[in-house]
């Protein structure tokens, strides 16, 4: 089970923006082959298909985590910025995957 850490400010901000957070993998150097370092892209909508996502409920919020993303010890979501420049960020994602034989 994935442990998620959010403060009260982050929880209320996400609920105000729909109550759903989706974490998608983003491969900055090789998007077509989906290899190399992986980063995270956050959206506030439900994915079209739940097949590739793990759904983790947390304090009335649904967090969809893509299967290609690996969590370290815990996933931390936090809000930063001021006023209209607030944005959500996350930490606790493994940015490199070990190569496995296919």
C-alpha atoms as a PDB file:
ATOM      1  CA  UNK A   1       0.000   0.000   0.000  1.00  0.00           C
ATOM      2  CA  UNK A   2       1.269   3.438  -0.909  1.00  0.00           C
ATOM      3  CA  UNK A   3       1.697   5.904   1.926  1.00  0.00           C
ATOM      4  CA  UNK A   4       0.766   9.471   1.062  1.00  0.00           C
ATOM      5  CA  UNK A   5       1.746  12.547   3.049  1.00  0.00           C
ATOM      6  CA  UNK A   6      -0.145  15.849   2.623  1.00  0.00           C
ATOM      7  CA  UNK A   7      -0.644  18.796   4.924  1.00  0.00           C
ATOM      8  CA  UNK A   8      -4.085  20.326   5.559  1.00  0.00           C
ATOM      9  CA  UNK A   9      -3.466  23.231   3.169  1.00  0.00           C
ATOM     10  CA  UNK A  10      -2.679  20.827   0.322  1.00  0.00           C
ATOM     11  CA  UNK A  11      -5.724  18.649   1.048  1.00  0.00           C
ATOM     12  CA  UNK A  12      -8.095  21.633   1.024  1.00  0.00           C
ATOM     13  CA  UNK A  13      -6.508  23.036  -2.177  1.00  0.00           C
ATOM     14  CA  UNK A  14      -6.908  19.699  -3.999  1.00  0.00           C
ATOM     15  CA  UNK A  15     -10.523  19.349  -2.820  1.00  0.00           C
ATOM     16  CA  UNK A  16     -11.203  22.873  -4.086  1.00  0.00           C
ATOM     17  CA  UNK A  17      -9.805  21.824  -7.492  1.00  0.00           C
ATOM     18  CA  UNK A  18     -11.967  18.713  -7.889  1.00  0.00           C
ATOM     19  CA  UNK A  19     -10.570  16.229  -5.371  1.00  0.00           C
ATOM     20  CA  UNK A  20      -8.665  14.150  -7.932  1.00  0.00           C
ATOM     21  CA  UNK A  21      -4.920  14.053  -8.628  1.00  0.00           C
ATOM     22  CA  UNK A  22      -3.385  11.866 -11.333  1.00  0.00           C
ATOM     23  CA  UNK A  23       0.343  11.140 -11.535  1.00  0.00           C
ATOM     24  CA  UNK A  24       1.536  10.320 -15.061  1.00  0.00           C
ATOM     25  CA  UNK A  25       5.084   9.253 -15.986  1.00  0.00           C
ATOM     26  CA  UNK A  26       7.008  11.688 -18.176  1.00  0.00           C
ATOM     27  CA  UNK A  27      10.164  10.594 -19.993  1.00  0.00           C
ATOM     28  CA  UNK A  28      12.015  13.828 -20.828  1.00  0.00           C
ATOM     29  CA  UNK A  29      14.702  12.264 -23.037  1.00  0.00           C
ATOM     30  CA  UNK A  30      12.945   9.435 -24.838  1.00  0.00           C
ATOM     31  CA  UNK A  31       9.155   9.637 -24.766  1.00  0.00           C
ATOM     32  CA  UNK A  32       8.498   7.102 -27.535  1.00  0.00           C
ATOM     33  CA  UNK A  33      10.443   4.213 -25.991  1.00  0.00           C
ATOM     34  CA  UNK A  34       9.611   5.162 -22.385  1.00  0.00           C
ATOM     35  CA  UNK A  35      13.138   4.518 -21.136  1.00  0.00           C
ATOM     36  CA  UNK A  36      15.698   6.419 -19.142  1.00  0.00           C
ATOM     37  CA  UNK A  37      15.000   8.833 -16.318  1.00  0.00           C
ATOM     38  CA  UNK A  38      11.349   9.314 -15.467  1.00  0.00           C
ATOM     39  CA  UNK A  39       9.690  12.428 -14.079  1.00  0.00           C
ATOM     40  CA  UNK A  40       6.115  13.042 -12.964  1.00  0.00           C
ATOM     41  CA  UNK A  41       3.356  15.057 -14.589  1.00  0.00           C
ATOM     42  CA  UNK A  42       0.431  15.967 -12.305  1.00  0.00           C
ATOM     43  CA  UNK A  43      -3.109  16.557 -13.570  1.00  0.00           C
ATOM     44  CA  UNK A  44      -6.414  17.217 -11.819  1.00  0.00           C
ATOM     45  CA  UNK A  45      -8.628  14.952 -13.891  1.00  0.00           C
ATOM     46  CA  UNK A  46      -9.522  11.287 -13.784  1.00  0.00           C
ATOM     47  CA  UNK A  47      -7.616   9.127 -16.304  1.00  0.00           C
ATOM     48  CA  UNK A  48      -9.569   7.815 -19.288  1.00  0.00           C
ATOM     49  CA  UNK A  49      -8.789   4.214 -18.349  1.00  0.00           C
ATOM     50  CA  UNK A  50      -8.126   2.952 -14.830  1.00  0.00           C
ATOM     51  CA  UNK A  51      -6.260  -0.116 -16.139  1.00  0.00           C
ATOM     52  CA  UNK A  52      -2.765   1.384 -15.792  1.00  0.00           C
ATOM     53  CA  UNK A  53      -3.368   3.197 -12.506  1.00  0.00           C
ATOM     54  CA  UNK A  54      -3.477   2.371  -8.814  1.00  0.00           C
ATOM     55  CA  UNK A  55      -6.185   4.325  -7.003  1.00  0.00           C
ATOM     56  CA  UNK A  56      -5.225   5.474  -3.513  1.00  0.00           C
ATOM     57  CA  UNK A  57      -7.894   7.271  -1.451  1.00  0.00           C
ATOM     58  CA  UNK A  58      -6.569   9.811   1.051  1.00  0.00           C
ATOM     59  CA  UNK A  59      -8.745  12.102   3.213  1.00  0.00           C
ATOM     60  CA  UNK A  60     -11.530  12.335   0.629  1.00  0.00           C
ATOM     61  CA  UNK A  61      -9.130  12.716  -2.308  1.00  0.00           C
ATOM     62  CA  UNK A  62      -8.546  10.140  -5.043  1.00  0.00           C
ATOM     63  CA  UNK A  63      -4.899   9.839  -6.074  1.00  0.00           C
ATOM     64  CA  UNK A  64      -4.301   7.905  -9.310  1.00  0.00           C
ATOM     65  CA  UNK A  65      -0.707   6.646  -9.595  1.00  0.00           C
ATOM     66  CA  UNK A  66       0.461   5.191 -12.914  1.00  0.00           C
ATOM     67  CA  UNK A  67       1.893   1.658 -12.742  1.00  0.00           C
ATOM     68  CA  UNK A  68       5.222   2.780 -14.285  1.00  0.00           C
ATOM     69  CA  UNK A  69       5.908   5.109 -11.342  1.00  0.00           C
ATOM     70  CA  UNK A  70       7.726   3.616  -8.378  1.00  0.00           C
ATOM     71  CA  UNK A  71       7.322   5.158  -4.929  1.00  0.00           C
ATOM     72  CA  UNK A  72      10.275   5.248  -2.504  1.00  0.00           C
ATOM     73  CA  UNK A  73       9.054   5.159   1.127  1.00  0.00           C
ATOM     74  CA  UNK A  74       6.146   7.555   0.830  1.00  0.00           C
ATOM     75  CA  UNK A  75       4.649   9.932  -1.699  1.00  0.00           C
ATOM     76  CA  UNK A  76       4.554  13.538  -0.549  1.00  0.00           C
ATOM     77  CA  UNK A  77       2.217  16.010  -2.255  1.00  0.00           C
ATOM     78  CA  UNK A  78       2.486  19.671  -1.337  1.00  0.00           C
ATOM     79  CA  UNK A  79       1.223  23.023  -2.498  1.00  0.00           C
ATOM     80  CA  UNK A  80       3.599  25.938  -2.923  1.00  0.00           C
ATOM     81  CA  UNK A  81       3.424  29.444  -4.330  1.00  0.00           C
ATOM     82  CA  UNK A  82       1.249  32.442  -3.552  1.00  0.00           C
ATOM     83  CA  UNK A  83      -2.272  33.277  -4.723  1.00  0.00           C
ATOM     84  CA  UNK A  84      -2.872  32.506  -8.401  1.00  0.00           C
ATOM     85  CA  UNK A  85       0.692  31.171  -8.716  1.00  0.00           C
ATOM     86  CA  UNK A  86       0.093  28.175  -6.438  1.00  0.00           C
ATOM     87  CA  UNK A  87       1.054  24.806  -7.842  1.00  0.00           C
ATOM     88  CA  UNK A  88       1.169  21.200  -6.696  1.00  0.00           C
ATOM     89  CA  UNK A  89       4.409  19.239  -6.575  1.00  0.00           C
ATOM     90  CA  UNK A  90       5.340  15.764  -5.461  1.00  0.00           C
ATOM     91  CA  UNK A  91       8.380  13.998  -4.086  1.00  0.00           C
ATOM     92  CA  UNK A  92       9.169  10.402  -3.260  1.00  0.00           C
ATOM     93  CA  UNK A  93       9.249   9.019  -6.816  1.00  0.00           C
ATOM     94  CA  UNK A  94      12.128   6.857  -8.034  1.00  0.00           C
ATOM     95  CA  UNK A  95      13.488   8.709 -11.064  1.00  0.00           C
ATOM     96  CA  UNK A  96      15.555   5.836 -12.420  1.00  0.00           C
ATOM     97  CA  UNK A  97      14.467   2.287 -13.107  1.00  0.00           C
ATOM     98  CA  UNK A  98      16.704  -0.740 -13.276  1.00  0.00           C
ATOM     99  CA  UNK A  99      16.906  -2.264 -16.739  1.00  0.00           C
ATOM    100  CA  UNK A 100      15.092  -5.571 -16.874  1.00  0.00           C
ATOM    101  CA  UNK A 101      15.260  -8.236 -19.526  1.00  0.00           C
ATOM    102  CA  UNK A 102      12.242  -8.225 -21.789  1.00  0.00           C
END
